[in-house]
Amino acid sequence: MIELIIGFVIFFVVIFIITVVYHNRFRFVMIKISEADNHIDAFLEKKMELLEKSRPIIVKELKKDDFLEELEELHGKELNHFELNDLLKNSFHSLCKLIEDNEKLLQSEELVQIMDNLNDNEEQIVGSIKFYNDSVVLFHQLLNSFPSNILAFFCRYKRKEFYPNEKMEMYEILNG
């Protein structure tokens, strides 16, 4: 009878330890995802600010009143990071193409400075997105592997979205 009680105690201690270990892994990865999300948010705000600063210069130099109008429409909308990133990326590419087509814009020191800042910002966004996607891969691995998938079921953890790039495709290939 004592052996049975000791067996149950050992069983519950092992289950408790496994639960705590995997719960901590989930929390650690979720903190990393949240941290990356906060960085991406700050970098996207900076990118929007820089693009908005470029607008009056373009309007003044090229008399193009409709340039980057979508940025003005953003102020009332609630977009998630994925949508905002796509919209700002398209706006940035439009600005780059316009500058490429109109080299006289490069005579503006202010615009050159804004473009340098935008290029630095773009590198920071790419790095933060890579960190985010890497963390999401770890999170999904925990969701899909035993015994952490049992804990994920009881804690109701849900899959997270990737920023579109090769990581999502790589994960799907590995998971498939």
N, C-alpha and C. Protein backbone atom coordinates (compact mmCIF):
# COMPACT_ATOMS: atom_id res chain seq x y z
N MET A 1 0.83 -1.20 0.00
CA MET A 1 0.00 0.00 0.00
C MET A 1 0.88 1.27 0.00
N ILE A 2 1.93 1.26 0.78
CA ILE A 2 2.86 2.41 0.87
C ILE A 2 3.53 2.62 -0.48
N GLU A 3 3.87 1.52 -1.19
CA GLU A 3 4.50 1.66 -2.49
C GLU A 3 3.57 2.35 -3.48
N LEU A 4 2.28 2.07 -3.40
CA LEU A 4 1.29 2.68 -4.27
C LEU A 4 1.20 4.19 -4.00
N ILE A 5 1.18 4.56 -2.75
CA ILE A 5 1.12 5.98 -2.36
C ILE A 5 2.39 6.69 -2.82
N ILE A 6 3.54 6.08 -2.61
CA ILE A 6 4.81 6.67 -3.05
C ILE A 6 4.81 6.80 -4.57
N GLY A 7 4.29 5.81 -5.27
CA GLY A 7 4.20 5.84 -6.74
C GLY A 7 3.33 7.01 -7.21
N PHE A 8 2.16 7.20 -6.56
CA PHE A 8 1.29 8.33 -6.90
C PHE A 8 1.97 9.66 -6.63
N VAL A 9 2.64 9.78 -5.51
CA VAL A 9 3.33 11.02 -5.15
C VAL A 9 4.42 11.32 -6.19
N ILE A 10 5.21 10.31 -6.53
CA ILE A 10 6.26 10.50 -7.53
C ILE A 10 5.66 10.88 -8.88
N PHE A 11 4.57 10.22 -9.26
CA PHE A 11 3.88 10.52 -10.52
C PHE A 11 3.42 11.98 -10.55
N PHE A 12 2.77 12.43 -9.50
CA PHE A 12 2.28 13.81 -9.46
C PHE A 12 3.41 14.84 -9.38
N VAL A 13 4.50 14.51 -8.72
CA VAL A 13 5.65 15.41 -8.67
C VAL A 13 6.25 15.53 -10.08
N VAL A 14 6.38 14.42 -10.78
CA VAL A 14 6.92 14.45 -12.15
C VAL A 14 6.00 15.25 -13.07
N ILE A 15 4.69 15.03 -12.98
CA ILE A 15 3.73 15.78 -13.79
C ILE A 15 3.82 17.27 -13.47
N PHE A 16 3.93 17.60 -12.19
CA PHE A 16 4.05 19.00 -11.76
C PHE A 16 5.31 19.65 -12.35
N ILE A 17 6.42 18.95 -12.26
CA ILE A 17 7.69 19.48 -12.77
C ILE A 17 7.62 19.68 -14.28
N ILE A 18 7.08 18.70 -15.00
CA ILE A 18 6.94 18.82 -16.45
C ILE A 18 6.05 20.01 -16.79
N THR A 19 4.95 20.17 -16.09
CA THR A 19 4.03 21.28 -16.32
C THR A 19 4.72 22.62 -16.09
N VAL A 20 5.44 22.74 -15.00
CA VAL A 20 6.12 23.99 -14.69
C VAL A 20 7.19 24.30 -15.74
N VAL A 21 7.95 23.31 -16.13
CA VAL A 21 9.02 23.52 -17.12
C VAL A 21 8.43 24.00 -18.45
N TYR A 22 7.40 23.34 -18.94
CA TYR A 22 6.82 23.73 -20.23
C TYR A 22 6.02 25.02 -20.14
N HIS A 23 5.40 25.25 -19.00
CA HIS A 23 4.70 26.52 -18.81
C HIS A 23 5.70 27.68 -18.87
N ASN A 24 6.85 27.51 -18.25
CA ASN A 24 7.90 28.52 -18.29
C ASN A 24 8.44 28.72 -19.70
N ARG A 25 8.56 27.64 -20.46
CA ARG A 25 9.01 27.76 -21.85
C ARG A 25 8.02 28.58 -22.67
N PHE A 26 6.73 28.27 -22.49
CA PHE A 26 5.71 29.03 -23.19
C PHE A 26 5.77 30.50 -22.80
N ARG A 27 5.88 30.78 -21.52
CA ARG A 27 5.92 32.18 -21.06
C ARG A 27 7.15 32.90 -21.62
N PHE A 28 8.29 32.23 -21.64
CA PHE A 28 9.51 32.83 -22.16
C PHE A 28 9.34 33.20 -23.64
N VAL A 29 8.79 32.28 -24.41
CA VAL A 29 8.60 32.54 -25.85
C VAL A 29 7.55 33.63 -26.05
N MET A 30 6.49 33.63 -25.26
CA MET A 30 5.47 34.66 -25.40
C MET A 30 6.02 36.04 -25.03
N ILE A 31 6.93 36.10 -24.07
CA ILE A 31 7.59 37.37 -23.74
C ILE A 31 8.44 37.84 -24.91
N LYS A 32 9.16 36.91 -25.55
CA LYS A 32 9.97 37.27 -26.71
C LYS A 32 9.09 37.80 -27.85
N ILE A 33 7.95 37.16 -28.06
CA ILE A 33 7.02 37.59 -29.12
C ILE A 33 6.48 38.99 -28.80
N SER A 34 6.11 39.20 -27.56
CA SER A 34 5.60 40.50 -27.13
C SER A 34 6.65 41.59 -27.28
N GLU A 35 7.88 41.28 -26.91
CA GLU A 35 8.99 42.23 -27.04
C GLU A 35 9.22 42.60 -28.50
N ALA A 36 9.22 41.60 -29.37
CA ALA A 36 9.40 41.86 -30.80
C ALA A 36 8.24 42.69 -31.34
N ASP A 37 7.03 42.38 -30.90
CA ASP A 37 5.85 43.12 -31.32
C ASP A 37 5.95 44.60 -30.92
N ASN A 38 6.44 44.86 -29.71
CA ASN A 38 6.61 46.24 -29.25
C ASN A 38 7.66 46.98 -30.08
N HIS A 39 8.75 46.30 -30.40
CA HIS A 39 9.79 46.92 -31.23
C HIS A 39 9.24 47.22 -32.63
N ILE A 40 8.53 46.27 -33.20
CA ILE A 40 7.96 46.46 -34.53
C ILE A 40 7.00 47.65 -34.51
N ASP A 41 6.19 47.74 -33.47
CA ASP A 41 5.26 48.85 -33.34
C ASP A 41 5.99 50.19 -33.34
N ALA A 42 7.05 50.29 -32.56
CA ALA A 42 7.82 51.54 -32.48
C ALA A 42 8.47 51.86 -33.83
N PHE A 43 9.02 50.86 -34.49
CA PHE A 43 9.67 51.09 -35.78
C PHE A 43 8.66 51.47 -36.86
N LEU A 44 7.46 50.89 -36.82
CA LEU A 44 6.44 51.24 -37.80
C LEU A 44 5.95 52.67 -37.58
N GLU A 45 5.82 53.08 -36.32
CA GLU A 45 5.44 54.47 -36.04
C GLU A 45 6.49 55.44 -36.58
N LYS A 46 7.76 55.09 -36.37
CA LYS A 46 8.86 55.93 -36.87
C LYS A 46 8.83 55.99 -38.40
N LYS A 47 8.57 54.86 -39.03
CA LYS A 47 8.51 54.81 -40.48
C LYS A 47 7.38 55.70 -41.00
N MET A 48 6.22 55.63 -40.35
CA MET A 48 5.10 56.46 -40.77
C MET A 48 5.45 57.94 -40.62
N GLU A 49 6.08 58.27 -39.51
CA GLU A 49 6.49 59.66 -39.26
C GLU A 49 7.46 60.15 -40.35
N LEU A 50 8.43 59.32 -40.70
CA LEU A 50 9.40 59.69 -41.73
C LEU A 50 8.74 59.83 -43.10
N LEU A 51 7.83 58.92 -43.42
CA LEU A 51 7.13 59.02 -44.71
C LEU A 51 6.27 60.27 -44.76
N GLU A 52 5.65 60.60 -43.64
CA GLU A 52 4.83 61.82 -43.60
C GLU A 52 5.70 63.07 -43.75
N LYS A 53 6.93 63.03 -43.24
CA LYS A 53 7.85 64.16 -43.40
C LYS A 53 8.29 64.33 -44.85
N SER A 54 8.34 63.23 -45.60
CA SER A 54 8.76 63.31 -46.99
C SER A 54 7.67 63.88 -47.89
N ARG A 55 6.44 63.73 -47.47
CA ARG A 55 5.30 64.12 -48.30
C ARG A 55 5.33 65.60 -48.70
N PRO A 56 5.49 66.54 -47.77
CA PRO A 56 5.49 67.96 -48.18
C PRO A 56 6.63 68.31 -49.14
N ILE A 57 7.75 67.63 -49.00
CA ILE A 57 8.88 67.90 -49.90
C ILE A 57 8.53 67.47 -51.32
N ILE A 58 7.93 66.30 -51.45
CA ILE A 58 7.52 65.79 -52.76
C ILE A 58 6.45 66.70 -53.36
N VAL A 59 5.48 67.08 -52.54
CA VAL A 59 4.40 67.95 -53.02
C VAL A 59 4.98 69.28 -53.51
N LYS A 60 5.93 69.83 -52.75
CA LYS A 60 6.53 71.12 -53.11
C LYS A 60 7.37 71.00 -54.39
N GLU A 61 8.21 69.98 -54.46
CA GLU A 61 9.13 69.84 -55.60
C GLU A 61 8.45 69.39 -56.88
N LEU A 62 7.51 68.46 -56.77
CA LEU A 62 6.91 67.87 -57.98
C LEU A 62 5.46 68.29 -58.21
N LYS A 63 4.91 69.06 -57.28
CA LYS A 63 3.51 69.49 -57.37
C LYS A 63 2.58 68.28 -57.49
N LYS A 64 2.88 67.27 -56.68
CA LYS A 64 2.12 66.02 -56.71
C LYS A 64 1.30 65.94 -55.42
N ASP A 65 0.09 66.48 -55.45
CA ASP A 65 -0.75 66.56 -54.24
C ASP A 65 -1.25 65.20 -53.77
N ASP A 66 -1.32 64.24 -54.66
CA ASP A 66 -1.89 62.95 -54.29
C ASP A 66 -0.85 61.94 -53.79
N PHE A 67 0.37 62.39 -53.61
CA PHE A 67 1.44 61.46 -53.21
C PHE A 67 1.24 60.99 -51.77
N LEU A 68 1.24 59.70 -51.56
CA LEU A 68 1.10 59.04 -50.26
C LEU A 68 -0.16 59.48 -49.50
N GLU A 69 -1.25 59.65 -50.23
CA GLU A 69 -2.52 60.00 -49.59
C GLU A 69 -2.98 58.94 -48.60
N GLU A 70 -2.59 57.71 -48.85
CA GLU A 70 -3.02 56.62 -47.97
C GLU A 70 -2.54 56.82 -46.53
N LEU A 71 -1.46 57.57 -46.35
CA LEU A 71 -0.97 57.84 -45.00
C LEU A 71 -1.94 58.72 -44.22
N GLU A 72 -2.57 59.68 -44.90
CA GLU A 72 -3.55 60.54 -44.24
C GLU A 72 -4.77 59.74 -43.83
N GLU A 73 -5.15 58.77 -44.63
CA GLU A 73 -6.32 57.95 -44.34
C GLU A 73 -6.08 56.99 -43.17
N LEU A 74 -4.83 56.74 -42.84
CA LEU A 74 -4.48 55.80 -41.75
C LEU A 74 -4.89 56.30 -40.37
N HIS A 75 -4.91 57.60 -40.18
CA HIS A 75 -5.08 58.16 -38.84
C HIS A 75 -6.39 57.75 -38.18
N GLY A 76 -7.42 57.46 -38.93
CA GLY A 76 -8.68 57.05 -38.33
C GLY A 76 -8.88 55.55 -38.28
N LYS A 77 -7.99 54.81 -38.90
CA LYS A 77 -8.17 53.35 -39.02
C LYS A 77 -7.41 52.61 -37.93
N GLU A 78 -7.94 51.46 -37.59
CA GLU A 78 -7.27 50.54 -36.68
C GLU A 78 -6.72 49.38 -37.51
N LEU A 79 -5.41 49.38 -37.72
CA LEU A 79 -4.77 48.32 -38.49
C LEU A 79 -3.87 47.51 -37.57
N ASN A 80 -3.80 46.22 -37.82
CA ASN A 80 -2.84 45.42 -37.05
C ASN A 80 -1.45 45.63 -37.65
N HIS A 81 -0.44 45.10 -36.98
CA HIS A 81 0.94 45.31 -37.44
C HIS A 81 1.18 44.76 -38.84
N PHE A 82 0.53 43.67 -39.16
CA PHE A 82 0.74 43.04 -40.46
C PHE A 82 0.23 43.95 -41.58
N GLU A 83 -0.98 44.49 -41.40
CA GLU A 83 -1.55 45.38 -42.41
C GLU A 83 -0.78 46.69 -42.50
N LEU A 84 -0.42 47.25 -41.34
CA LEU A 84 0.32 48.51 -41.32
C LEU A 84 1.69 48.33 -41.97
N ASN A 85 2.35 47.23 -41.67
CA ASN A 85 3.65 46.96 -42.28
C ASN A 85 3.54 46.89 -43.79
N ASP A 86 2.53 46.19 -44.30
CA ASP A 86 2.36 46.08 -45.75
C ASP A 86 2.09 47.45 -46.38
N LEU A 87 1.23 48.23 -45.76
CA LEU A 87 0.90 49.54 -46.29
C LEU A 87 2.11 50.47 -46.29
N LEU A 88 2.85 50.49 -45.19
CA LEU A 88 4.04 51.34 -45.11
C LEU A 88 5.15 50.88 -46.05
N LYS A 89 5.25 49.56 -46.22
CA LYS A 89 6.25 49.03 -47.16
C LYS A 89 5.93 49.49 -48.58
N ASN A 90 4.64 49.44 -48.96
CA ASN A 90 4.23 49.89 -50.29
C ASN A 90 4.48 51.39 -50.46
N SER A 91 4.21 52.16 -49.40
CA SER A 91 4.45 53.61 -49.45
C SER A 91 5.94 53.90 -49.60
N PHE A 92 6.76 53.16 -48.88
CA PHE A 92 8.21 53.34 -48.96
C PHE A 92 8.71 53.03 -50.37
N HIS A 93 8.19 51.95 -50.96
CA HIS A 93 8.59 51.59 -52.32
C HIS A 93 8.13 52.65 -53.33
N SER A 94 6.95 53.22 -53.10
CA SER A 94 6.47 54.30 -53.97
C SER A 94 7.40 55.51 -53.89
N LEU A 95 7.83 55.84 -52.68
CA LEU A 95 8.75 56.96 -52.50
C LEU A 95 10.08 56.68 -53.20
N CYS A 96 10.60 55.48 -53.03
CA CYS A 96 11.87 55.12 -53.66
C CYS A 96 11.77 55.19 -55.19
N LYS A 97 10.67 54.69 -55.72
CA LYS A 97 10.47 54.72 -57.18
C LYS A 97 10.36 56.16 -57.66
N LEU A 98 9.65 56.98 -56.93
CA LEU A 98 9.50 58.38 -57.32
C LEU A 98 10.85 59.10 -57.31
N ILE A 99 11.65 58.83 -56.31
CA ILE A 99 12.99 59.45 -56.24
C ILE A 99 13.87 58.94 -57.37
N GLU A 100 13.75 57.66 -57.67
CA GLU A 100 14.54 57.07 -58.76
C GLU A 100 14.16 57.71 -60.10
N ASP A 101 12.87 57.97 -60.27
CA ASP A 101 12.39 58.56 -61.53
C ASP A 101 12.67 60.06 -61.61
N ASN A 102 12.87 60.72 -60.47
CA ASN A 102 13.07 62.17 -60.42
C ASN A 102 14.30 62.48 -59.58
N GLU A 103 15.44 62.38 -60.19
CA GLU A 103 16.70 62.54 -59.46
C GLU A 103 16.89 63.94 -58.88
N LYS A 104 16.16 64.91 -59.39
CA LYS A 104 16.29 66.27 -58.85
C LYS A 104 15.85 66.33 -57.38
N LEU A 105 15.07 65.34 -56.95
CA LEU A 105 14.63 65.29 -55.55
C LEU A 105 15.82 65.08 -54.60
N LEU A 106 16.87 64.47 -55.11
CA LEU A 106 18.05 64.20 -54.28
C LEU A 106 18.84 65.47 -53.97
N GLN A 107 18.45 66.58 -54.56
CA GLN A 107 19.10 67.86 -54.23
C GLN A 107 18.63 68.39 -52.88
N SER A 108 17.53 67.89 -52.42
CA SER A 108 17.00 68.30 -51.12
C SER A 108 17.73 67.55 -50.01
N GLU A 109 18.49 68.29 -49.20
CA GLU A 109 19.23 67.68 -48.08
C GLU A 109 18.27 67.00 -47.10
N GLU A 110 17.13 67.66 -46.89
CA GLU A 110 16.16 67.12 -45.95
C GLU A 110 15.62 65.77 -46.42
N LEU A 111 15.34 65.67 -47.70
CA LEU A 111 14.83 64.41 -48.25
C LEU A 111 15.90 63.32 -48.22
N VAL A 112 17.14 63.68 -48.50
CA VAL A 112 18.24 62.71 -48.43
C VAL A 112 18.37 62.18 -47.00
N GLN A 113 18.25 63.08 -46.01
CA GLN A 113 18.33 62.67 -44.60
C GLN A 113 17.16 61.75 -44.24
N ILE A 114 15.98 62.09 -44.72
CA ILE A 114 14.80 61.26 -44.46
C ILE A 114 15.00 59.87 -45.08
N MET A 115 15.53 59.82 -46.29
CA MET A 115 15.76 58.53 -46.95
C MET A 115 16.79 57.70 -46.19
N ASP A 116 17.84 58.34 -45.69
CA ASP A 116 18.83 57.61 -44.87
C ASP A 116 18.17 57.03 -43.63
N ASN A 117 17.34 57.85 -42.98
CA ASN A 117 16.63 57.38 -41.78
C ASN A 117 15.65 56.26 -42.12
N LEU A 118 14.98 56.38 -43.26
CA LEU A 118 14.05 55.33 -43.68
C LEU A 118 14.78 54.02 -43.97
N ASN A 119 15.95 54.11 -44.59
CA ASN A 119 16.72 52.89 -44.86
C ASN A 119 17.19 52.24 -43.57
N ASP A 120 17.64 53.04 -42.60
CA ASP A 120 18.03 52.49 -41.29
C ASP A 120 16.82 51.86 -40.60
N ASN A 121 15.70 52.55 -40.68
CA ASN A 121 14.47 52.07 -40.07
C ASN A 121 14.04 50.74 -40.69
N GLU A 122 14.19 50.65 -42.00
CA GLU A 122 13.80 49.41 -42.70
C GLU A 122 14.65 48.23 -42.22
N GLU A 123 15.93 48.46 -42.01
CA GLU A 123 16.80 47.40 -41.48
C GLU A 123 16.36 46.99 -40.08
N GLN A 124 15.97 47.94 -39.26
CA GLN A 124 15.51 47.64 -37.91
C GLN A 124 14.21 46.85 -37.94
N ILE A 125 13.33 47.21 -38.84
CA ILE A 125 12.06 46.48 -38.97
C ILE A 125 12.32 45.05 -39.41
N VAL A 126 13.18 44.88 -40.40
CA VAL A 126 13.50 43.53 -40.90
C VAL A 126 14.08 42.67 -39.77
N GLY A 127 14.98 43.25 -38.98
CA GLY A 127 15.57 42.51 -37.85
C GLY A 127 14.53 42.15 -36.81
N SER A 128 13.65 43.07 -36.50
CA SER A 128 12.60 42.80 -35.50
C SER A 128 11.61 41.75 -36.01
N ILE A 129 11.30 41.81 -37.30
CA ILE A 129 10.39 40.82 -37.87
C ILE A 129 11.04 39.43 -37.86
N LYS A 130 12.32 39.36 -38.14
CA LYS A 130 13.03 38.08 -38.07
C LYS A 130 12.99 37.53 -36.65
N PHE A 131 13.24 38.39 -35.66
CA PHE A 131 13.18 37.97 -34.25
C PHE A 131 11.77 37.50 -33.90
N TYR A 132 10.76 38.23 -34.35
CA TYR A 132 9.36 37.86 -34.11
C TYR A 132 9.05 36.50 -34.73
N ASN A 133 9.39 36.34 -36.01
CA ASN A 133 9.09 35.08 -36.70
C ASN A 133 9.83 33.90 -36.08
N ASP A 134 11.10 34.11 -35.69
CA ASP A 134 11.84 33.04 -35.03
C ASP A 134 11.17 32.63 -33.72
N SER A 135 10.67 33.61 -32.98
CA SER A 135 9.98 33.32 -31.72
C SER A 135 8.66 32.61 -31.97
N VAL A 136 7.96 32.98 -33.02
CA VAL A 136 6.71 32.31 -33.36
C VAL A 136 6.97 30.86 -33.76
N VAL A 137 8.07 30.62 -34.46
CA VAL A 137 8.44 29.23 -34.80
C VAL A 137 8.62 28.41 -33.53
N LEU A 138 9.32 28.96 -32.55
CA LEU A 138 9.51 28.25 -31.27
C LEU A 138 8.17 28.00 -30.59
N PHE A 139 7.31 29.01 -30.61
CA PHE A 139 5.99 28.87 -30.00
C PHE A 139 5.19 27.75 -30.68
N HIS A 140 5.21 27.71 -32.00
CA HIS A 140 4.47 26.68 -32.73
C HIS A 140 5.08 25.29 -32.51
N GLN A 141 6.39 25.24 -32.35
CA GLN A 141 7.01 23.95 -32.03
C GLN A 141 6.51 23.43 -30.68
N LEU A 142 6.38 24.34 -29.71
CA LEU A 142 5.84 23.94 -28.41
C LEU A 142 4.38 23.52 -28.53
N LEU A 143 3.62 24.22 -29.36
CA LEU A 143 2.21 23.87 -29.56
C LEU A 143 2.04 22.48 -30.16
N ASN A 144 3.00 22.07 -30.98
CA ASN A 144 2.85 20.82 -31.74
C ASN A 144 3.61 19.63 -31.19
N SER A 145 4.40 19.83 -30.14
CA SER A 145 5.19 18.71 -29.65
C SER A 145 4.69 18.23 -28.28
N PHE A 146 4.93 16.96 -28.03
CA PHE A 146 4.54 16.34 -26.77
C PHE A 146 5.63 16.57 -25.75
N PRO A 147 5.35 16.85 -24.54
CA PRO A 147 4.08 16.99 -23.83
C PRO A 147 3.56 18.42 -23.75
N SER A 148 4.26 19.35 -24.36
CA SER A 148 3.83 20.74 -24.27
C SER A 148 2.50 20.99 -24.97
N ASN A 149 2.17 20.16 -25.96
CA ASN A 149 0.89 20.35 -26.65
C ASN A 149 -0.30 20.08 -25.72
N ILE A 150 -0.12 19.23 -24.74
CA ILE A 150 -1.18 18.97 -23.75
C ILE A 150 -1.40 20.22 -22.90
N LEU A 151 -0.30 20.82 -22.44
CA LEU A 151 -0.40 22.05 -21.67
C LEU A 151 -1.01 23.16 -22.53
N ALA A 152 -0.62 23.25 -23.78
CA ALA A 152 -1.15 24.27 -24.68
C ALA A 152 -2.66 24.11 -24.85
N PHE A 153 -3.12 22.87 -24.92
CA PHE A 153 -4.55 22.60 -25.05
C PHE A 153 -5.30 23.12 -23.82
N PHE A 154 -4.80 22.80 -22.63
CA PHE A 154 -5.48 23.21 -21.40
C PHE A 154 -5.38 24.71 -21.16
N CYS A 155 -4.31 25.33 -21.60
CA CYS A 155 -4.14 26.79 -21.44
C CYS A 155 -4.77 27.56 -22.60
N ARG A 156 -5.27 26.82 -23.60
CA ARG A 156 -5.92 27.41 -24.77
C ARG A 156 -5.01 28.35 -25.55
N TYR A 157 -3.76 27.95 -25.71
CA TYR A 157 -2.83 28.73 -26.53
C TYR A 157 -3.18 28.51 -27.99
N LYS A 158 -3.18 29.58 -28.75
CA LYS A 158 -3.53 29.54 -30.16
C LYS A 158 -2.31 29.88 -31.02
N ARG A 159 -2.34 29.39 -32.24
CA ARG A 159 -1.26 29.69 -33.19
C ARG A 159 -1.17 31.19 -33.41
N LYS A 160 0.02 31.65 -33.67
CA LYS A 160 0.26 33.07 -33.94
C LYS A 160 0.58 33.23 -35.42
N GLU A 161 0.31 34.41 -35.93
CA GLU A 161 0.59 34.70 -37.33
C GLU A 161 2.06 35.03 -37.53
N PHE A 162 2.55 34.71 -38.70
CA PHE A 162 3.89 35.08 -39.13
C PHE A 162 3.81 36.36 -39.94
N TYR A 163 4.89 37.11 -39.96
CA TYR A 163 5.03 38.14 -40.98
C TYR A 163 5.42 37.40 -42.23
N PRO A 164 4.87 37.79 -43.37
CA PRO A 164 5.16 37.04 -44.58
C PRO A 164 6.64 37.11 -44.96
N ASN A 165 7.25 35.97 -44.98
CA ASN A 165 8.61 35.78 -45.51
C ASN A 165 8.90 34.30 -45.53
N GLU A 166 10.13 33.95 -45.73
CA GLU A 166 10.50 32.54 -45.90
C GLU A 166 10.32 31.71 -44.63
N LYS A 167 10.29 32.31 -43.45
CA LYS A 167 10.17 31.54 -42.21
C LYS A 167 8.88 30.74 -42.18
N MET A 168 7.77 31.38 -42.59
CA MET A 168 6.48 30.68 -42.56
C MET A 168 6.54 29.48 -43.49
N GLU A 169 7.07 29.68 -44.69
CA GLU A 169 7.15 28.57 -45.65
C GLU A 169 8.05 27.46 -45.10
N MET A 170 9.16 27.85 -44.47
CA MET A 170 10.09 26.88 -43.90
C MET A 170 9.39 26.08 -42.80
N TYR A 171 8.65 26.77 -41.95
CA TYR A 171 7.96 26.08 -40.86
C TYR A 171 6.92 25.11 -41.40
N GLU A 172 6.16 25.55 -42.41
CA GLU A 172 5.14 24.69 -42.98
C GLU A 172 5.76 23.45 -43.61
N ILE A 173 6.92 23.59 -44.24
CA ILE A 173 7.60 22.44 -44.84
C ILE A 173 8.04 21.48 -43.74
N LEU A 174 8.63 22.02 -42.66
CA LEU A 174 9.07 21.18 -41.56
C LEU A 174 7.91 20.54 -40.83
N ASN A 175 6.80 21.24 -40.75
CA ASN A 175 5.65 20.75 -40.01
C ASN A 175 4.82 19.77 -40.84
N GLY A 176 4.88 19.92 -42.18
CA GLY A 176 4.04 19.13 -43.08
C GLY A 176 4.50 17.74 -43.17
